[in-house]
Amino acid sequence: MASTRIAPTPLALRIRARVTAWLGPLAVFVKGFVQHPTMVGALAPSSGRTIRRVLAPVDWDACRVFVEYGPGVGTFCRPVLDRLRRDARLIVIDTNPLFIAYLQATIRDPRFSAVLGSAADVAQIIAAHGADHADYVLSGLPFSTLPPGVGPAIMAATRDVLRQGGAFLVYQYTTCARQMMAGYFGRIDKGFEPVNLPPCVISWGWKD
């Protein structure tokens, strides 16, 4: 006899979010990695040096909509919010409900929105938040392990949603994403951060 899955009540969802927040970011990160290893880029969050290098080219005065794919436990979210204008928005997108629940429970900034969904649907997601383009998109998604066709779909959607002069900021542990970006972005600046676990390949793809 087939069992019927009962949707969690609002109270159960609130309790789950509180428990998730109580676990702490490292425990949540490791649990998310164990549940979905091909969708999490590394077993440890990015270093402070990596965060600063990845975000260095951003013109924060001109940034009104910043999007992040695969935010995990918010390693980049707080540094972005610290730099972001008061009238700007940070929209993060993840397919892992554990990470989304944690972020919604721990980041209370009115400029912040955490969305459960696919990065390939970025245009529809930001439109639902009142925006028609993004100024910058950040990604730590492991493009080398994404299902076939998903990486190119995300690249195309990102290129289309960025404004002219905007950039796709990508940090990875291989050059796979950089090679894929070449088909969608005419100018790609390259960087590398050795003080990270593992060392980090950084690429900035510009929509010129």
Protein backbone atom coordinates (compact mmCIF):
# COMPACT_ATOMS: atom_id res chain seq x y z
CA MET A 1 0.00 0.00 0.00
CA ALA A 2 1.46 3.37 -1.01
CA SER A 3 2.07 5.80 1.80
CA THR A 4 0.84 9.41 1.64
CA ARG A 5 3.43 12.06 2.36
CA ILE A 6 2.07 14.73 4.68
CA ALA A 7 3.32 18.27 4.12
CA PRO A 8 4.92 19.85 7.20
CA THR A 9 2.82 22.39 9.09
CA PRO A 10 3.96 26.04 9.44
CA LEU A 11 4.86 25.29 13.07
CA ALA A 12 6.98 22.29 12.01
CA LEU A 13 8.76 24.45 9.43
CA ARG A 14 9.51 27.12 12.05
CA ILE A 15 10.85 24.50 14.46
CA ARG A 16 12.99 22.98 11.70
CA ALA A 17 14.42 26.41 10.87
CA ARG A 18 15.26 27.08 14.53
CA VAL A 19 16.98 23.71 14.89
CA THR A 20 18.89 24.33 11.68
CA ALA A 21 20.07 27.71 12.96
CA TRP A 22 21.05 26.18 16.31
CA LEU A 23 23.27 23.60 14.60
CA GLY A 24 25.65 26.34 13.46
CA PRO A 25 27.05 27.06 10.00
CA LEU A 26 29.78 24.41 9.91
CA ALA A 27 27.45 21.58 10.97
CA VAL A 28 24.85 22.71 8.42
CA PHE A 29 27.50 22.98 5.69
CA VAL A 30 28.81 19.46 6.33
CA LYS A 31 25.28 18.04 6.48
CA GLY A 32 24.44 19.74 3.18
CA PHE A 33 27.60 18.33 1.62
CA VAL A 34 26.76 14.81 2.79
CA GLN A 35 23.20 15.07 1.45
CA HIS A 36 24.13 16.59 -1.93
CA PRO A 37 27.89 16.17 -2.54
CA THR A 38 27.70 16.91 -6.27
CA MET A 39 25.97 20.24 -5.65
CA VAL A 40 28.39 21.59 -3.02
CA GLY A 41 31.76 22.76 -4.28
CA ALA A 42 33.90 21.96 -1.21
CA LEU A 43 33.82 20.45 2.26
CA ALA A 44 34.89 23.76 3.88
CA PRO A 45 33.56 27.33 3.42
CA SER A 46 35.68 29.84 1.48
CA SER A 47 38.46 31.72 3.25
CA GLY A 48 38.34 35.43 4.02
CA ARG A 49 41.07 36.04 1.45
CA THR A 50 39.01 34.29 -1.21
CA ILE A 51 35.94 36.35 -0.36
CA ARG A 52 37.85 39.63 -0.64
CA ARG A 53 39.49 38.66 -3.94
CA VAL A 54 36.27 37.46 -5.56
CA LEU A 55 34.38 40.63 -4.58
CA ALA A 56 37.21 43.07 -5.32
CA PRO A 57 36.04 44.15 -8.82
CA VAL A 58 32.46 44.98 -7.74
CA ASP A 59 31.39 48.62 -8.08
CA TRP A 60 29.20 48.72 -4.99
CA ASP A 61 27.92 52.26 -5.63
CA ALA A 62 26.44 51.09 -8.94
CA CYS A 63 25.12 47.75 -7.64
CA ARG A 64 21.38 47.54 -7.01
CA VAL A 65 20.77 43.80 -7.54
CA PHE A 66 23.34 41.20 -6.50
CA VAL A 67 22.56 37.51 -7.04
CA GLU A 68 24.35 34.49 -5.63
CA TYR A 69 24.03 30.88 -6.74
CA GLY A 70 24.73 28.17 -4.18
CA PRO A 71 25.11 30.37 -1.09
CA GLY A 72 25.49 27.41 1.27
CA VAL A 73 25.51 28.72 4.83
CA GLY A 74 26.05 32.35 3.81
CA THR A 75 29.84 32.61 3.73
CA PHE A 76 29.56 35.33 1.07
CA CYS A 77 26.14 36.67 2.08
CA ARG A 78 27.27 38.67 5.07
CA PRO A 79 30.31 40.26 3.36
CA VAL A 80 28.10 41.20 0.42
CA LEU A 81 25.47 42.74 2.70
CA ASP A 82 28.21 44.67 4.54
CA ARG A 83 29.20 46.30 1.21
CA LEU A 84 25.78 46.61 -0.41
CA ARG A 85 23.86 49.90 -0.68
CA ARG A 86 20.92 50.40 1.64
CA ASP A 87 18.52 50.44 -1.31
CA ALA A 88 20.01 47.36 -3.02
CA ARG A 89 18.96 43.71 -2.95
CA LEU A 90 20.80 40.42 -2.40
CA ILE A 91 18.93 37.44 -3.85
CA VAL A 92 20.43 34.00 -3.25
CA ILE A 93 19.32 30.81 -5.00
CA ASP A 94 19.95 27.24 -3.86
CA THR A 95 18.44 23.83 -4.59
CA ASN A 96 19.15 22.57 -1.07
CA PRO A 97 16.24 23.28 1.34
CA LEU A 98 18.56 22.80 4.34
CA PHE A 99 20.71 25.77 3.30
CA ILE A 100 17.70 27.94 2.44
CA ALA A 101 16.07 27.21 5.82
CA TYR A 102 19.31 28.07 7.62
CA LEU A 103 19.74 31.36 5.76
CA GLN A 104 16.14 32.40 6.28
CA ALA A 105 16.50 31.66 10.00
CA THR A 106 19.79 33.49 10.51
CA ILE A 107 19.87 36.49 8.14
CA ARG A 108 17.24 39.08 8.99
CA ASP A 109 18.39 41.90 6.71
CA PRO A 110 15.42 43.35 4.75
CA ARG A 111 17.63 43.55 1.64
CA PHE A 112 18.09 39.76 1.68
CA SER A 113 16.00 37.05 0.03
CA ALA A 114 16.79 33.31 -0.02
CA VAL A 115 15.01 31.33 -2.74
CA LEU A 116 14.73 27.56 -3.15
CA GLY A 117 15.15 26.98 -6.87
CA SER A 118 17.46 26.56 -9.84
CA ALA A 119 20.01 29.12 -11.00
CA ALA A 120 18.82 28.42 -14.55
CA ASP A 121 15.58 30.20 -13.56
CA VAL A 122 17.36 33.34 -12.37
CA ALA A 123 15.40 35.70 -14.66
CA GLN A 124 12.03 34.52 -13.33
CA ILE A 125 13.28 34.55 -9.74
CA ILE A 126 14.56 38.13 -9.78
CA ALA A 127 11.45 39.25 -11.70
CA ALA A 128 9.38 37.90 -8.80
CA HIS A 129 11.40 40.26 -6.59
CA GLY A 130 10.72 43.28 -8.79
CA ALA A 131 13.97 43.35 -10.80
CA ASP A 132 14.54 43.01 -14.55
CA HIS A 133 18.31 42.50 -14.43
CA ALA A 134 21.21 41.77 -12.11
CA ASP A 135 24.32 43.91 -11.75
CA TYR A 136 26.50 41.05 -10.52
CA VAL A 137 26.01 37.32 -10.17
CA LEU A 138 28.24 35.25 -7.88
CA SER A 139 28.60 31.47 -8.09
CA GLY A 140 30.43 28.74 -6.24
CA LEU A 141 28.47 25.97 -7.96
CA PRO A 142 30.59 22.94 -8.94
CA PHE A 143 30.12 23.14 -12.71
CA SER A 144 32.25 20.03 -13.25
CA THR A 145 29.73 17.82 -11.41
CA LEU A 146 26.41 19.38 -12.47
CA PRO A 147 24.04 17.14 -14.46
CA PRO A 148 24.48 17.27 -18.26
CA GLY A 149 23.10 20.45 -19.80
CA VAL A 150 22.63 22.28 -16.48
CA GLY A 151 25.93 24.17 -16.62
CA PRO A 152 25.36 25.64 -20.11
CA ALA A 153 21.77 26.53 -19.16
CA ILE A 154 23.01 28.45 -16.11
CA MET A 155 25.70 30.21 -18.15
CA ALA A 156 23.20 31.34 -20.78
CA ALA A 157 20.63 32.47 -18.20
CA THR A 158 23.29 34.41 -16.31
CA ARG A 159 24.58 36.18 -19.42
CA ASP A 160 21.04 37.16 -20.38
CA VAL A 161 20.07 38.48 -16.95
CA LEU A 162 23.19 40.62 -16.42
CA ARG A 163 23.14 44.30 -17.39
CA GLN A 164 25.73 45.67 -19.79
CA GLY A 165 28.92 46.15 -17.81
CA GLY A 166 27.86 43.60 -15.20
CA ALA A 167 29.90 40.53 -14.28
CA PHE A 168 29.61 36.86 -13.43
CA LEU A 169 31.92 36.17 -10.46
CA VAL A 170 32.88 32.51 -10.24
CA TYR A 171 35.09 30.72 -7.73
CA GLN A 172 35.93 27.06 -8.34
CA TYR A 173 38.56 24.42 -7.60
CA THR A 174 39.11 23.50 -11.26
CA THR A 175 39.14 25.48 -14.52
CA CYS A 176 35.97 23.76 -15.76
CA ALA A 177 33.70 26.78 -15.21
CA ARG A 178 36.23 29.17 -16.77
CA GLN A 179 36.40 27.03 -19.91
CA MET A 180 32.61 26.94 -20.09
CA MET A 181 32.34 30.71 -19.52
CA ALA A 182 34.39 31.37 -22.66
CA GLY A 183 31.38 30.47 -24.79
CA TYR A 184 29.19 33.10 -23.11
CA PHE A 185 31.43 35.99 -22.01
CA GLY A 186 33.76 37.87 -24.32
CA ARG A 187 36.11 39.06 -21.57
CA ILE A 188 37.18 36.86 -18.67
CA ASP A 189 39.60 38.10 -16.03
CA LYS A 190 41.49 35.38 -14.18
CA GLY A 191 42.62 35.01 -10.57
CA PHE A 192 43.86 32.41 -8.11
CA GLU A 193 43.78 32.24 -4.33
CA PRO A 194 46.14 29.69 -2.73
CA VAL A 195 45.02 30.43 0.85
CA ASN A 196 41.83 28.42 0.61
CA LEU A 197 40.82 24.78 1.18
CA PRO A 198 41.29 23.69 -1.55
CA PRO A 199 43.10 26.51 -3.45
CA CYS A 200 40.63 28.52 -5.48
CA VAL A 201 40.42 29.36 -9.19
CA ILE A 202 38.63 32.70 -9.68
CA SER A 203 37.07 33.99 -12.90
CA TRP A 204 35.25 37.25 -13.63
CA GLY A 205 33.18 37.12 -16.84
CA TRP A 206 32.14 40.59 -18.03
CA LYS A 207 29.12 41.44 -20.16
CA ASP A 208 30.71 44.22 -22.22
